[in-house]
Amino acid sequence: WRYNFDMNKTMRALTISQPHQAQIAETQIPEIAPNELLVRVMASGICGTDIHIFRGEYLGSYPVIPGHEFVGEVVALGQGAGEKYHLQLGDIAISEQIVPCWQCRFCRRGQYWMCQYGDVYGFRQQAFGAMAEYMLFPRNALNYKVPASIPMKYAAYIEPLACAIHAV
């Protein structure tokens, strides 16, 4: 385990406790396990889906921390995470919005974006989103280092751009 901040601190997060009820709450910084990493959120976009979650118009579970368009600085690495994702402390990283199960028929065929049992950051309690000071990238996530040539203010747009490219 490697980290460069106090793991015993708490963090502020936007929490949607039920439809039409959102508040800034003090919560525990997520604990990391092997092959997981923790990032300090640098930027988070607001997607139309986040609005639907707030309104209760999207299947999900409450309470939830929304946000699936994000970029962050790696501040803690679980055992094996650095090697698995080619990341180190201080790197700027993103994660694909879906956290696949890697077991269903779609994942086994390489179509992880259609995963039947995975999660999407900020939709349910299994993968909280980026509208917080810190967020956990779970062991099944697809994580990437953001090249230094991409300014931080643009890096949060990688996920919406990827969605558009995938759709085309």
Protein backbone atom coordinates (compact mmCIF):
# COMPACT_ATOMS: atom_id res chain seq x y z
CA TRP A 1 0.00 0.00 0.00
CA ARG A 2 1.32 3.38 -0.94
CA TYR A 3 -0.27 6.72 -0.23
CA ASN A 4 0.65 10.38 0.06
CA PHE A 5 -2.00 11.85 2.38
CA ASP A 6 -3.71 11.14 5.72
CA MET A 7 -6.07 8.17 5.18
CA ASN A 8 -7.84 8.91 8.49
CA LYS A 9 -9.34 12.17 7.26
CA THR A 10 -12.90 12.66 6.15
CA MET A 11 -14.00 14.34 2.93
CA ARG A 12 -16.84 16.46 1.67
CA ALA A 13 -19.12 14.96 -0.96
CA LEU A 14 -22.33 15.87 -2.74
CA THR A 15 -24.74 13.19 -1.61
CA ILE A 16 -28.14 12.56 -3.13
CA SER A 17 -30.05 10.84 -0.32
CA GLN A 18 -33.32 10.47 -2.25
CA PRO A 19 -34.95 12.12 -5.27
CA HIS A 20 -34.79 15.93 -5.04
CA GLN A 21 -32.67 15.80 -1.87
CA ALA A 22 -28.98 16.66 -2.24
CA GLN A 23 -26.57 18.01 0.32
CA ILE A 24 -22.87 18.46 0.94
CA ALA A 25 -22.00 15.89 3.58
CA GLU A 26 -18.89 14.95 5.52
CA THR A 27 -18.10 11.29 4.88
CA GLN A 28 -15.25 8.82 5.24
CA ILE A 29 -12.57 8.67 2.59
CA PRO A 30 -12.97 5.27 0.90
CA GLU A 31 -10.60 2.53 2.00
CA ILE A 32 -8.68 0.82 -0.75
CA ALA A 33 -8.08 -2.89 -1.26
CA PRO A 34 -5.64 -4.71 -3.55
CA ASN A 35 -5.80 -3.58 -7.19
CA GLU A 36 -7.78 -0.47 -6.25
CA LEU A 37 -6.69 3.14 -6.25
CA LEU A 38 -7.82 6.39 -4.73
CA VAL A 39 -7.75 9.71 -6.53
CA ARG A 40 -8.15 13.28 -5.35
CA VAL A 41 -10.80 14.60 -7.71
CA MET A 42 -9.49 17.51 -9.77
CA ALA A 43 -12.55 18.07 -11.98
CA SER A 44 -15.99 16.55 -12.48
CA GLY A 45 -18.50 17.25 -15.19
CA ILE A 46 -22.26 17.34 -14.73
CA CYS A 47 -24.01 14.96 -17.09
CA GLY A 48 -27.70 14.95 -17.92
CA THR A 49 -27.80 11.56 -16.20
CA ASP A 50 -26.77 13.21 -12.92
CA ILE A 51 -29.83 15.43 -13.20
CA HIS A 52 -32.03 12.37 -13.84
CA ILE A 53 -30.57 10.69 -10.74
CA PHE A 54 -31.32 13.82 -8.70
CA ARG A 55 -34.91 13.82 -9.99
CA GLY A 56 -35.37 10.10 -9.33
CA GLU A 57 -35.88 9.37 -13.05
CA TYR A 58 -33.09 6.82 -13.37
CA LEU A 59 -32.74 3.35 -11.91
CA GLY A 60 -30.31 3.54 -9.05
CA SER A 61 -30.04 3.29 -5.32
CA TYR A 62 -29.76 6.03 -2.74
CA PRO A 63 -27.78 7.50 -1.13
CA VAL A 64 -25.33 8.07 -3.94
CA ILE A 65 -22.46 10.39 -4.80
CA PRO A 66 -23.01 11.33 -8.48
CA GLY A 67 -20.43 12.02 -11.16
CA HIS A 68 -19.02 9.82 -13.92
CA GLU A 69 -17.12 12.47 -15.94
CA PHE A 70 -13.93 13.15 -13.99
CA VAL A 71 -10.19 13.34 -13.65
CA GLY A 72 -8.08 13.01 -10.53
CA GLU A 73 -4.62 12.75 -9.03
CA VAL A 74 -3.59 9.31 -7.76
CA VAL A 75 -3.06 9.63 -3.99
CA ALA A 76 -3.18 5.98 -2.87
CA LEU A 77 -2.49 2.64 -4.52
CA GLY A 78 -3.66 -0.72 -3.24
CA GLN A 79 -1.31 -3.66 -3.55
CA GLY A 80 -0.76 -4.44 -7.24
CA ALA A 81 -2.69 -1.41 -8.55
CA GLY A 82 0.35 0.52 -9.73
CA GLU A 83 1.57 -2.41 -11.79
CA LYS A 84 -1.88 -3.36 -13.07
CA TYR A 85 -2.76 0.12 -14.33
CA HIS A 86 0.75 1.50 -14.98
CA LEU A 87 0.08 4.33 -12.53
CA GLN A 88 2.03 5.82 -9.67
CA LEU A 89 1.39 8.36 -6.93
CA GLY A 90 0.94 11.84 -8.37
CA ASP A 91 -0.19 10.64 -11.81
CA ILE A 92 -3.32 12.20 -13.28
CA ALA A 93 -5.82 9.44 -14.06
CA ILE A 94 -9.28 8.73 -15.40
CA SER A 95 -11.45 5.64 -15.30
CA GLU A 96 -14.04 4.48 -17.80
CA GLN A 97 -17.53 5.23 -16.52
CA ILE A 98 -18.56 1.57 -16.34
CA VAL A 99 -17.01 -0.83 -13.84
CA PRO A 100 -17.52 -4.20 -15.54
CA CYS A 101 -18.08 -7.51 -13.75
CA TRP A 102 -15.79 -9.39 -16.22
CA GLN A 103 -17.97 -12.52 -15.74
CA CYS A 104 -21.18 -12.01 -17.75
CA ARG A 105 -21.59 -13.07 -21.37
CA PHE A 106 -20.87 -9.57 -22.68
CA CYS A 107 -17.68 -9.13 -20.64
CA ARG A 108 -16.43 -12.58 -21.69
CA ARG A 109 -16.99 -11.58 -25.34
CA GLY A 110 -15.03 -8.35 -24.84
CA GLN A 111 -18.15 -6.14 -24.91
CA TYR A 112 -17.69 -4.89 -21.35
CA TRP A 113 -19.63 -1.66 -22.08
CA MET A 114 -22.78 -3.83 -22.22
CA CYS A 115 -22.03 -5.55 -18.88
CA GLN A 116 -25.13 -7.00 -17.26
CA TYR A 117 -23.91 -6.82 -13.67
CA GLY A 118 -21.32 -4.05 -13.55
CA ASP A 119 -21.81 -0.58 -12.27
CA VAL A 120 -21.44 2.99 -13.46
CA TYR A 121 -19.77 5.58 -11.23
CA GLY A 122 -22.35 7.65 -9.40
CA PHE A 123 -25.42 5.54 -10.19
CA ARG A 124 -25.47 3.16 -7.25
CA GLN A 125 -23.67 2.55 -3.98
CA GLN A 126 -21.13 0.07 -5.42
CA ALA A 127 -19.13 2.77 -7.25
CA PHE A 128 -19.58 6.26 -5.86
CA GLY A 129 -18.95 9.08 -8.28
CA ALA A 130 -16.65 12.07 -8.51
CA MET A 131 -18.64 14.81 -6.83
CA ALA A 132 -16.44 14.39 -3.78
CA GLU A 133 -12.94 15.29 -2.73
CA TYR A 134 -11.74 11.71 -3.26
CA MET A 135 -13.03 8.70 -5.16
CA LEU A 136 -12.20 5.03 -5.33
CA PHE A 137 -11.41 3.25 -8.58
CA PRO A 138 -12.52 -0.36 -7.83
CA ARG A 139 -10.48 -3.44 -8.82
CA ASN A 140 -12.61 -4.18 -11.92
CA ALA A 141 -12.33 -0.65 -13.29
CA LEU A 142 -10.53 0.37 -16.48
CA ASN A 143 -8.09 3.10 -15.46
CA TYR A 144 -5.68 5.19 -17.51
CA LYS A 145 -2.97 7.77 -17.05
CA VAL A 146 -3.80 11.13 -18.59
CA PRO A 147 -0.90 12.41 -20.73
CA ALA A 148 0.78 15.56 -19.42
CA SER A 149 0.03 17.19 -22.79
CA ILE A 150 -3.71 17.34 -21.93
CA PRO A 151 -4.47 20.32 -19.68
CA MET A 152 -6.33 19.37 -16.51
CA LYS A 153 -9.26 21.65 -17.40
CA TYR A 154 -9.93 19.50 -20.49
CA ALA A 155 -9.24 16.05 -19.08
CA ALA A 156 -12.71 15.69 -17.51
CA TYR A 157 -14.12 15.86 -21.06
CA ILE A 158 -12.41 12.60 -22.02
CA GLU A 159 -15.42 10.51 -20.94
CA PRO A 160 -18.07 12.49 -22.88
CA LEU A 161 -15.76 12.58 -25.91
CA ALA A 162 -15.25 8.81 -25.68
CA CYS A 163 -19.03 8.30 -25.55
CA ALA A 164 -19.51 10.42 -28.65
CA ILE A 165 -16.73 8.62 -30.55
CA HIS A 166 -18.16 5.22 -29.50
CA ALA A 167 -21.63 6.25 -30.69
CA VAL A 168 -20.31 7.33 -34.09
